[in-house]
């Protein structure tokens, strides 16, 4: 069965629907989902959901948009939350130079610090990268001794050439709804460049809704649409692809086993 490796059940559009979403996972071919933290409240609420539902896991972390809000107390809370067996990673963390909602130097500092925290906790990191792939590479290179617990590039939008670059850090790459869009040529080339044992699927729900539901609120149930498109593009049997990406997700997020 599939795993949605990145969604946001704590978003105000999904939180009221969580009971129904979780009850319907098996019917949608989903074994489980990972609800991803992007600030302190979403991380706390995500862990609470993971404790409540067997099929839900969580990550905790500070999104680059909100890096300016990071405090010592927030780090302490993240460390405390990460002791729970249902917390499988640190994320989403990284760099976003599209909106620059936090100063770039602050984003970079907090990115460094969260890598160090993840390493100390022996947890993988889930990265958000937008228009900042070269600086992300530089930070990973500077911290390469702290990456032994796994690196995931969520909603990968970089080039196929950058797949080779990040593969030097044994990175995994997750693809979602954008591979179904009309302007997906670049994403599809990158998808083809990813080694099969480093491929994951996600929805980023409630965002990035795949065709034919684009424009509507995304939900984890649409992971199958992503997998089906990838199967078509890669020429790989859908059942085999589902089995392999599920295995990859559990290898990366090892606490899910």
C-alpha atoms as a PDB file:
ATOM      1  CA  UNK A   1       0.000   0.000   0.000  1.00  0.00           C
ATOM      2  CA  UNK A   2       0.990   3.626  -0.491  1.00  0.00           C
ATOM      3  CA  UNK A   3       2.280   6.098   2.065  1.00  0.00           C
ATOM      4  CA  UNK A   4       1.639   9.821   1.746  1.00  0.00           C
ATOM      5  CA  UNK A   5       5.066  10.990   2.901  1.00  0.00           C
ATOM      6  CA  UNK A   6       4.119  14.667   3.279  1.00  0.00           C
ATOM      7  CA  UNK A   7       0.783  16.245   4.096  1.00  0.00           C
ATOM      8  CA  UNK A   8      -0.573  18.820   6.531  1.00  0.00           C
ATOM      9  CA  UNK A   9      -3.496  17.389   8.468  1.00  0.00           C
ATOM     10  CA  UNK A  10      -3.203  20.314  10.883  1.00  0.00           C
ATOM     11  CA  UNK A  11      -4.157  22.826   8.192  1.00  0.00           C
ATOM     12  CA  UNK A  12      -7.497  24.503   8.926  1.00  0.00           C
ATOM     13  CA  UNK A  13      -8.941  23.022   5.724  1.00  0.00           C
ATOM     14  CA  UNK A  14      -8.125  19.436   6.719  1.00  0.00           C
ATOM     15  CA  UNK A  15      -8.221  19.397  10.514  1.00  0.00           C
ATOM     16  CA  UNK A  16     -12.050  19.243  10.720  1.00  0.00           C
ATOM     17  CA  UNK A  17     -11.955  16.288   8.279  1.00  0.00           C
ATOM     18  CA  UNK A  18      -9.241  14.230   9.954  1.00  0.00           C
ATOM     19  CA  UNK A  19     -11.552  11.528  11.330  1.00  0.00           C
ATOM     20  CA  UNK A  20     -13.020  10.867   7.889  1.00  0.00           C
ATOM     21  CA  UNK A  21      -9.641  11.135   6.159  1.00  0.00           C
ATOM     22  CA  UNK A  22      -8.071   8.535   8.442  1.00  0.00           C
ATOM     23  CA  UNK A  23     -11.072   6.199   8.281  1.00  0.00           C
ATOM     24  CA  UNK A  24     -10.890   6.288   4.476  1.00  0.00           C
ATOM     25  CA  UNK A  25      -7.158   5.671   4.088  1.00  0.00           C
ATOM     26  CA  UNK A  26      -7.336   1.929   3.480  1.00  0.00           C
ATOM     27  CA  UNK A  27     -10.084   2.306   0.887  1.00  0.00           C
ATOM     28  CA  UNK A  28      -7.805   4.745  -0.953  1.00  0.00           C
ATOM     29  CA  UNK A  29      -4.902   2.294  -0.953  1.00  0.00           C
ATOM     30  CA  UNK A  30      -3.018   4.141   1.766  1.00  0.00           C
ATOM     31  CA  UNK A  31      -1.235   2.402   4.610  1.00  0.00           C
ATOM     32  CA  UNK A  32      -0.377   5.612   6.468  1.00  0.00           C
ATOM     33  CA  UNK A  33       0.389   9.330   6.206  1.00  0.00           C
ATOM     34  CA  UNK A  34       3.006  11.662   7.644  1.00  0.00           C
ATOM     35  CA  UNK A  35       1.644  15.007   8.798  1.00  0.00           C
ATOM     36  CA  UNK A  36       4.452  17.518   8.604  1.00  0.00           C
ATOM     37  CA  UNK A  37       5.158  20.370  11.000  1.00  0.00           C
ATOM     38  CA  UNK A  38       6.008  23.826   9.677  1.00  0.00           C
ATOM     39  CA  UNK A  39       5.985  25.860  12.906  1.00  0.00           C
ATOM     40  CA  UNK A  40       5.510  25.283  16.622  1.00  0.00           C
ATOM     41  CA  UNK A  41       1.663  25.024  16.705  1.00  0.00           C
ATOM     42  CA  UNK A  42       1.481  22.685  13.678  1.00  0.00           C
ATOM     43  CA  UNK A  43       4.227  20.493  15.146  1.00  0.00           C
ATOM     44  CA  UNK A  44       2.474  20.196  18.513  1.00  0.00           C
ATOM     45  CA  UNK A  45      -0.898  19.497  16.893  1.00  0.00           C
ATOM     46  CA  UNK A  46       0.642  17.061  14.399  1.00  0.00           C
ATOM     47  CA  UNK A  47       2.156  14.974  17.169  1.00  0.00           C
ATOM     48  CA  UNK A  48      -1.193  14.969  18.972  1.00  0.00           C
ATOM     49  CA  UNK A  49      -2.857  13.608  15.823  1.00  0.00           C
ATOM     50  CA  UNK A  50      -0.150  10.970  15.430  1.00  0.00           C
ATOM     51  CA  UNK A  51      -0.778   9.791  18.984  1.00  0.00           C
ATOM     52  CA  UNK A  52      -4.516   9.657  18.327  1.00  0.00           C
ATOM     53  CA  UNK A  53      -4.425   7.690  15.065  1.00  0.00           C
ATOM     54  CA  UNK A  54      -2.418   4.531  14.353  1.00  0.00           C
ATOM     55  CA  UNK A  55      -2.040   5.358  10.654  1.00  0.00           C
ATOM     56  CA  UNK A  56      -0.714   8.886  11.240  1.00  0.00           C
ATOM     57  CA  UNK A  57       2.927   9.787  11.886  1.00  0.00           C
ATOM     58  CA  UNK A  58       4.412  13.249  12.375  1.00  0.00           C
ATOM     59  CA  UNK A  59       7.471  15.397  11.872  1.00  0.00           C
ATOM     60  CA  UNK A  60       8.328  18.580  13.747  1.00  0.00           C
ATOM     61  CA  UNK A  61      10.195  21.598  12.476  1.00  0.00           C
ATOM     62  CA  UNK A  62      10.266  25.248  11.458  1.00  0.00           C
ATOM     63  CA  UNK A  63       9.558  26.156   7.827  1.00  0.00           C
ATOM     64  CA  UNK A  64      11.961  28.709   6.309  1.00  0.00           C
ATOM     65  CA  UNK A  65       9.066  31.176   6.009  1.00  0.00           C
ATOM     66  CA  UNK A  66       8.876  31.327   9.802  1.00  0.00           C
ATOM     67  CA  UNK A  67      12.567  30.976  10.651  1.00  0.00           C
ATOM     68  CA  UNK A  68      12.502  34.419  12.258  1.00  0.00           C
ATOM     69  CA  UNK A  69      10.182  32.976  14.938  1.00  0.00           C
ATOM     70  CA  UNK A  70      12.606  30.291  16.097  1.00  0.00           C
ATOM     71  CA  UNK A  71      13.605  30.515  19.764  1.00  0.00           C
ATOM     72  CA  UNK A  72      15.555  28.408  22.224  1.00  0.00           C
ATOM     73  CA  UNK A  73      12.244  27.386  23.778  1.00  0.00           C
ATOM     74  CA  UNK A  74      10.983  26.189  20.387  1.00  0.00           C
ATOM     75  CA  UNK A  75      14.050  23.997  19.962  1.00  0.00           C
ATOM     76  CA  UNK A  76      13.456  22.549  23.426  1.00  0.00           C
ATOM     77  CA  UNK A  77       9.854  21.740  22.517  1.00  0.00           C
ATOM     78  CA  UNK A  78      10.901  20.087  19.254  1.00  0.00           C
ATOM     79  CA  UNK A  79      13.429  17.940  21.110  1.00  0.00           C
ATOM     80  CA  UNK A  80      10.813  16.932  23.663  1.00  0.00           C
ATOM     81  CA  UNK A  81       8.238  16.072  20.988  1.00  0.00           C
ATOM     82  CA  UNK A  82      10.806  14.032  19.063  1.00  0.00           C
ATOM     83  CA  UNK A  83      11.099  11.529  21.893  1.00  0.00           C
ATOM     84  CA  UNK A  84       7.687  10.177  20.912  1.00  0.00           C
ATOM     85  CA  UNK A  85       7.778   7.011  18.814  1.00  0.00           C
ATOM     86  CA  UNK A  86       5.338   8.536  16.303  1.00  0.00           C
ATOM     87  CA  UNK A  87       7.676  11.446  15.463  1.00  0.00           C
ATOM     88  CA  UNK A  88       9.698  10.197  12.510  1.00  0.00           C
ATOM     89  CA  UNK A  89      11.668  13.218  11.308  1.00  0.00           C
ATOM     90  CA  UNK A  90      12.565  16.895  11.472  1.00  0.00           C
ATOM     91  CA  UNK A  91      10.813  19.010   8.873  1.00  0.00           C
ATOM     92  CA  UNK A  92       9.877  20.754   6.926  1.00  0.00           C
ATOM     93  CA  UNK A  93      13.036  22.806   7.085  1.00  0.00           C
ATOM     94  CA  UNK A  94      15.196  24.486   4.478  1.00  0.00           C
ATOM     95  CA  UNK A  95      15.301  27.632   2.357  1.00  0.00           C
ATOM     96  CA  UNK A  96      12.669  29.596   0.424  1.00  0.00           C
ATOM     97  CA  UNK A  97      13.941  32.571  -1.574  1.00  0.00           C
ATOM     98  CA  UNK A  98      10.696  33.096  -3.512  1.00  0.00           C
ATOM     99  CA  UNK A  99       8.869  35.041  -0.804  1.00  0.00           C
ATOM    100  CA  UNK A 100      11.728  35.797   1.624  1.00  0.00           C
ATOM    101  CA  UNK A 101       9.254  35.934   4.517  1.00  0.00           C
ATOM    102  CA  UNK A 102      12.243  35.527   6.812  1.00  0.00           C
ATOM    103  CA  UNK A 103      15.623  37.133   6.019  1.00  0.00           C
ATOM    104  CA  UNK A 104      17.866  34.777   4.073  1.00  0.00           C
ATOM    105  CA  UNK A 105      20.630  34.867   6.644  1.00  0.00           C
ATOM    106  CA  UNK A 106      18.105  33.860   9.326  1.00  0.00           C
ATOM    107  CA  UNK A 107      16.781  31.039   7.134  1.00  0.00           C
ATOM    108  CA  UNK A 108      20.304  29.757   6.628  1.00  0.00           C
ATOM    109  CA  UNK A 109      21.183  29.903  10.314  1.00  0.00           C
ATOM    110  CA  UNK A 110      18.008  28.117  11.403  1.00  0.00           C
ATOM    111  CA  UNK A 111      18.500  25.540   8.658  1.00  0.00           C
ATOM    112  CA  UNK A 112      21.998  24.797  10.004  1.00  0.00           C
ATOM    113  CA  UNK A 113      20.680  24.567  13.551  1.00  0.00           C
ATOM    114  CA  UNK A 114      17.828  22.206  12.670  1.00  0.00           C
ATOM    115  CA  UNK A 115      20.220  19.917  10.798  1.00  0.00           C
ATOM    116  CA  UNK A 116      22.347  19.775  13.939  1.00  0.00           C
ATOM    117  CA  UNK A 117      19.265  19.061  16.063  1.00  0.00           C
ATOM    118  CA  UNK A 118      18.132  16.264  13.745  1.00  0.00           C
ATOM    119  CA  UNK A 119      21.574  14.696  13.837  1.00  0.00           C
ATOM    120  CA  UNK A 120      21.628  14.767  17.630  1.00  0.00           C
ATOM    121  CA  UNK A 121      18.167  13.170  17.672  1.00  0.00           C
ATOM    122  CA  UNK A 122      19.198  10.612  15.012  1.00  0.00           C
ATOM    123  CA  UNK A 123      16.274  11.609  12.785  1.00  0.00           C
ATOM    124  CA  UNK A 124      16.049  12.259   9.029  1.00  0.00           C
ATOM    125  CA  UNK A 125      15.335  15.742   7.687  1.00  0.00           C
ATOM    126  CA  UNK A 126      12.573  16.731   5.250  1.00  0.00           C
ATOM    127  CA  UNK A 127      13.578  19.740   3.166  1.00  0.00           C
ATOM    128  CA  UNK A 128      11.529  22.541   1.633  1.00  0.00           C
ATOM    129  CA  UNK A 129      13.568  24.207  -1.111  1.00  0.00           C
ATOM    130  CA  UNK A 130      12.301  26.939  -3.416  1.00  0.00           C
ATOM    131  CA  UNK A 131      14.586  28.983  -5.646  1.00  0.00           C
ATOM    132  CA  UNK A 132      17.458  28.146  -3.296  1.00  0.00           C
ATOM    133  CA  UNK A 133      18.946  24.889  -4.534  1.00  0.00           C
ATOM    134  CA  UNK A 134      22.534  26.094  -4.719  1.00  0.00           C
ATOM    135  CA  UNK A 135      22.562  27.519  -1.193  1.00  0.00           C
ATOM    136  CA  UNK A 136      20.848  24.341   0.025  1.00  0.00           C
ATOM    137  CA  UNK A 137      23.620  22.314  -1.542  1.00  0.00           C
ATOM    138  CA  UNK A 138      26.244  24.482   0.162  1.00  0.00           C
ATOM    139  CA  UNK A 139      24.620  24.040   3.562  1.00  0.00           C
ATOM    140  CA  UNK A 140      24.318  20.285   3.108  1.00  0.00           C
ATOM    141  CA  UNK A 141      27.962  20.121   2.059  1.00  0.00           C
ATOM    142  CA  UNK A 142      28.982  22.107   5.142  1.00  0.00           C
ATOM    143  CA  UNK A 143      26.978  19.685   7.286  1.00  0.00           C
ATOM    144  CA  UNK A 144      27.626  16.438   5.419  1.00  0.00           C
ATOM    145  CA  UNK A 145      28.951  14.732   8.543  1.00  0.00           C
ATOM    146  CA  UNK A 146      25.524  15.318  10.151  1.00  0.00           C
ATOM    147  CA  UNK A 147      23.392  13.778   7.366  1.00  0.00           C
ATOM    148  CA  UNK A 148      23.797  10.078   8.131  1.00  0.00           C
ATOM    149  CA  UNK A 149      20.179   9.691   9.295  1.00  0.00           C
ATOM    150  CA  UNK A 150      18.626  10.642   5.969  1.00  0.00           C
ATOM    151  CA  UNK A 151      17.690  13.583   3.739  1.00  0.00           C
ATOM    152  CA  UNK A 152      14.444  14.060   1.824  1.00  0.00           C
ATOM    153  CA  UNK A 153      13.776  16.762  -0.734  1.00  0.00           C
ATOM    154  CA  UNK A 154      10.019  17.190  -0.453  1.00  0.00           C
ATOM    155  CA  UNK A 155       7.999  18.260  -3.519  1.00  0.00           C
ATOM    156  CA  UNK A 156      11.171  18.188  -5.571  1.00  0.00           C
ATOM    157  CA  UNK A 157      11.190  20.913  -8.219  1.00  0.00           C
ATOM    158  CA  UNK A 158      14.879  21.078  -9.049  1.00  0.00           C
ATOM    159  CA  UNK A 159      16.524  19.958 -12.261  1.00  0.00           C
ATOM    160  CA  UNK A 160      17.533  16.457 -13.231  1.00  0.00           C
ATOM    161  CA  UNK A 161      21.153  17.621 -12.970  1.00  0.00           C
ATOM    162  CA  UNK A 162      20.586  18.640  -9.346  1.00  0.00           C
ATOM    163  CA  UNK A 163      19.244  15.150  -8.633  1.00  0.00           C
ATOM    164  CA  UNK A 164      22.795  13.921  -9.232  1.00  0.00           C
ATOM    165  CA  UNK A 165      24.197  16.622  -6.959  1.00  0.00           C
ATOM    166  CA  UNK A 166      21.890  15.833  -4.034  1.00  0.00           C
ATOM    167  CA  UNK A 167      22.343  12.109  -4.562  1.00  0.00           C
ATOM    168  CA  UNK A 168      25.894  12.625  -3.258  1.00  0.00           C
ATOM    169  CA  UNK A 169      24.234  13.036   0.134  1.00  0.00           C
ATOM    170  CA  UNK A 170      22.175   9.833  -0.312  1.00  0.00           C
ATOM    171  CA  UNK A 171      19.072  12.024  -0.639  1.00  0.00           C
ATOM    172  CA  UNK A 172      15.554  10.820  -1.286  1.00  0.00           C
ATOM    173  CA  UNK A 173      13.168  12.742  -3.543  1.00  0.00           C
ATOM    174  CA  UNK A 174       9.396  13.054  -3.126  1.00  0.00           C
ATOM    175  CA  UNK A 175       7.023  13.941  -5.957  1.00  0.00           C
ATOM    176  CA  UNK A 176       3.401  15.020  -5.738  1.00  0.00           C
ATOM    177  CA  UNK A 177       0.634  16.656  -7.715  1.00  0.00           C
ATOM    178  CA  UNK A 178       2.867  18.844  -9.937  1.00  0.00           C
ATOM    179  CA  UNK A 179       3.908  15.817 -12.014  1.00  0.00           C
ATOM    180  CA  UNK A 180       0.291  15.677 -13.263  1.00  0.00           C
ATOM    181  CA  UNK A 181       0.195  19.343 -14.376  1.00  0.00           C
ATOM    182  CA  UNK A 182       0.326  20.419 -18.036  1.00  0.00           C
ATOM    183  CA  UNK A 183       3.610  22.275 -17.499  1.00  0.00           C
ATOM    184  CA  UNK A 184       5.268  19.294 -15.811  1.00  0.00           C
ATOM    185  CA  UNK A 185       8.041  18.635 -18.359  1.00  0.00           C
ATOM    186  CA  UNK A 186      10.863  19.690 -16.020  1.00  0.00           C
ATOM    187  CA  UNK A 187       9.386  17.741 -13.105  1.00  0.00           C
ATOM    188  CA  UNK A 188       9.016  14.645 -15.247  1.00  0.00           C
ATOM    189  CA  UNK A 189      12.638  14.806 -16.394  1.00  0.00           C
ATOM    190  CA  UNK A 190      13.699  15.030 -12.761  1.00  0.00           C
ATOM    191  CA  UNK A 191      11.419  12.128 -11.841  1.00  0.00           C
ATOM    192  CA  UNK A 192      13.117   9.982 -14.465  1.00  0.00           C
ATOM    193  CA  UNK A 193      16.528  10.876 -13.051  1.00  0.00           C
ATOM    194  CA  UNK A 194      15.764   9.690  -9.515  1.00  0.00           C
ATOM    195  CA  UNK A 195      16.997   6.188  -8.639  1.00  0.00           C
ATOM    196  CA  UNK A 196      14.041   3.930  -7.895  1.00  0.00           C
ATOM    197  CA  UNK A 197      15.309   3.209  -4.392  1.00  0.00           C
ATOM    198  CA  UNK A 198      15.268   6.949  -3.594  1.00  0.00           C
ATOM    199  CA  UNK A 199      11.726   7.753  -4.772  1.00  0.00           C
ATOM    200  CA  UNK A 200       8.797   8.717  -2.518  1.00  0.00           C
ATOM    201  CA  UNK A 201       5.274   9.983  -3.159  1.00  0.00           C
ATOM    202  CA  UNK A 202       3.368  12.711  -1.372  1.00  0.00           C
ATOM    203  CA  UNK A 203       0.404  15.056  -1.697  1.00  0.00           C
ATOM    204  CA  UNK A 204       1.466  18.149   0.296  1.00  0.00           C
ATOM    205  CA  UNK A 205      -2.267  18.304   1.073  1.00  0.00           C
ATOM    206  CA  UNK A 206      -4.135  20.621   1.183  1.00  0.00           C
ATOM    207  CA  UNK A 207      -1.817  22.122  -1.462  1.00  0.00           C
ATOM    208  CA  UNK A 208      -0.669  20.949  -4.924  1.00  0.00           C
ATOM    209  CA  UNK A 209      -3.850  19.081  -5.848  1.00  0.00           C
ATOM    210  CA  UNK A 210      -3.235  16.752  -8.811  1.00  0.00           C
ATOM    211  CA  UNK A 211      -5.192  16.695 -12.055  1.00  0.00           C
ATOM    212  CA  UNK A 212      -8.157  16.200 -12.460  1.00  0.00           C
ATOM    213  CA  UNK A 213      -8.963  17.848  -9.105  1.00  0.00           C
ATOM    214  CA  UNK A 214      -6.645  20.821  -9.465  1.00  0.00           C
ATOM    215  CA  UNK A 215      -8.209  23.914  -7.925  1.00  0.00           C
ATOM    216  CA  UNK A 216      -9.844  21.927  -5.134  1.00  0.00           C
ATOM    217  CA  UNK A 217      -8.510  21.127  -1.664  1.00  0.00           C
ATOM    218  CA  UNK A 218      -5.989  18.325  -1.824  1.00  0.00           C
ATOM    219  CA  UNK A 219      -6.254  15.262   0.445  1.00  0.00           C
ATOM    220  CA  UNK A 220      -4.035  12.225   1.104  1.00  0.00           C
ATOM    221  CA  UNK A 221      -6.419  10.048  -0.936  1.00  0.00           C
ATOM    222  CA  UNK A 222      -5.004  11.646  -4.077  1.00  0.00           C
ATOM    223  CA  UNK A 223      -1.600  10.013  -3.544  1.00  0.00           C
ATOM    224  CA  UNK A 224      -2.772   7.244  -5.864  1.00  0.00           C
ATOM    225  CA  UNK A 225      -3.150   9.754  -8.718  1.00  0.00           C
ATOM    226  CA  UNK A 226       0.494  10.734  -8.252  1.00  0.00           C
ATOM    227  CA  UNK A 227       1.635   7.116  -8.192  1.00  0.00           C
ATOM    228  CA  UNK A 228      -0.395   6.289 -11.300  1.00  0.00           C
ATOM    229  CA  UNK A 229       1.147   9.181 -13.226  1.00  0.00           C
ATOM    230  CA  UNK A 230       4.648   8.181 -12.139  1.00  0.00           C
ATOM    231  CA  UNK A 231       3.966   4.586 -13.188  1.00  0.00           C
ATOM    232  CA  UNK A 232       2.957   5.807 -16.641  1.00  0.00           C
ATOM    233  CA  UNK A 233       5.972   8.110 -17.017  1.00  0.00           C
ATOM    234  CA  UNK A 234       8.531   5.607 -15.727  1.00  0.00           C
ATOM    235  CA  UNK A 235       7.033   2.585 -17.449  1.00  0.00           C
ATOM    236  CA  UNK A 236       7.013   0.663 -14.178  1.00  0.00           C
ATOM    237  CA  UNK A 237       4.152  -1.556 -13.025  1.00  0.00           C
ATOM    238  CA  UNK A 238       2.000   0.391 -10.559  1.00  0.00           C
ATOM    239  CA  UNK A 239       1.924  -2.357  -7.934  1.00  0.00           C
ATOM    240  CA  UNK A 240       5.708  -2.674  -8.036  1.00  0.00           C
ATOM    241  CA  UNK A 241       6.100   1.099  -7.769  1.00  0.00           C
ATOM    242  CA  UNK A 242       3.738   1.264  -4.802  1.00  0.00           C
ATOM    243  CA  UNK A 243       5.600  -1.528  -3.018  1.00  0.00           C
ATOM    244  CA  UNK A 244       9.005   0.047  -3.676  1.00  0.00           C
ATOM    245  CA  UNK A 245       8.090   3.586  -2.611  1.00  0.00           C
ATOM    246  CA  UNK A 246       6.430   2.281   0.536  1.00  0.00           C
ATOM    247  CA  UNK A 247       9.631   0.412   1.353  1.00  0.00           C
ATOM    248  CA  UNK A 248      11.687   3.544   0.614  1.00  0.00           C
ATOM    249  CA  UNK A 249       9.531   5.657   2.924  1.00  0.00           C
ATOM    250  CA  UNK A 250       9.953   3.208   5.789  1.00  0.00           C
ATOM    251  CA  UNK A 251      13.687   2.974   5.182  1.00  0.00           C
ATOM    252  CA  UNK A 252      14.069   6.734   5.377  1.00  0.00           C
ATOM    253  CA  UNK A 253      11.608   7.294   8.215  1.00  0.00           C
ATOM    254  CA  UNK A 254      12.892   4.238  10.064  1.00  0.00           C
ATOM    255  CA  UNK A 255      10.700   4.745  13.141  1.00  0.00           C
ATOM    256  CA  UNK A 256       7.681   3.784  10.998  1.00  0.00           C
ATOM    257  CA  UNK A 257       8.801   0.135  10.916  1.00  0.00           C
END
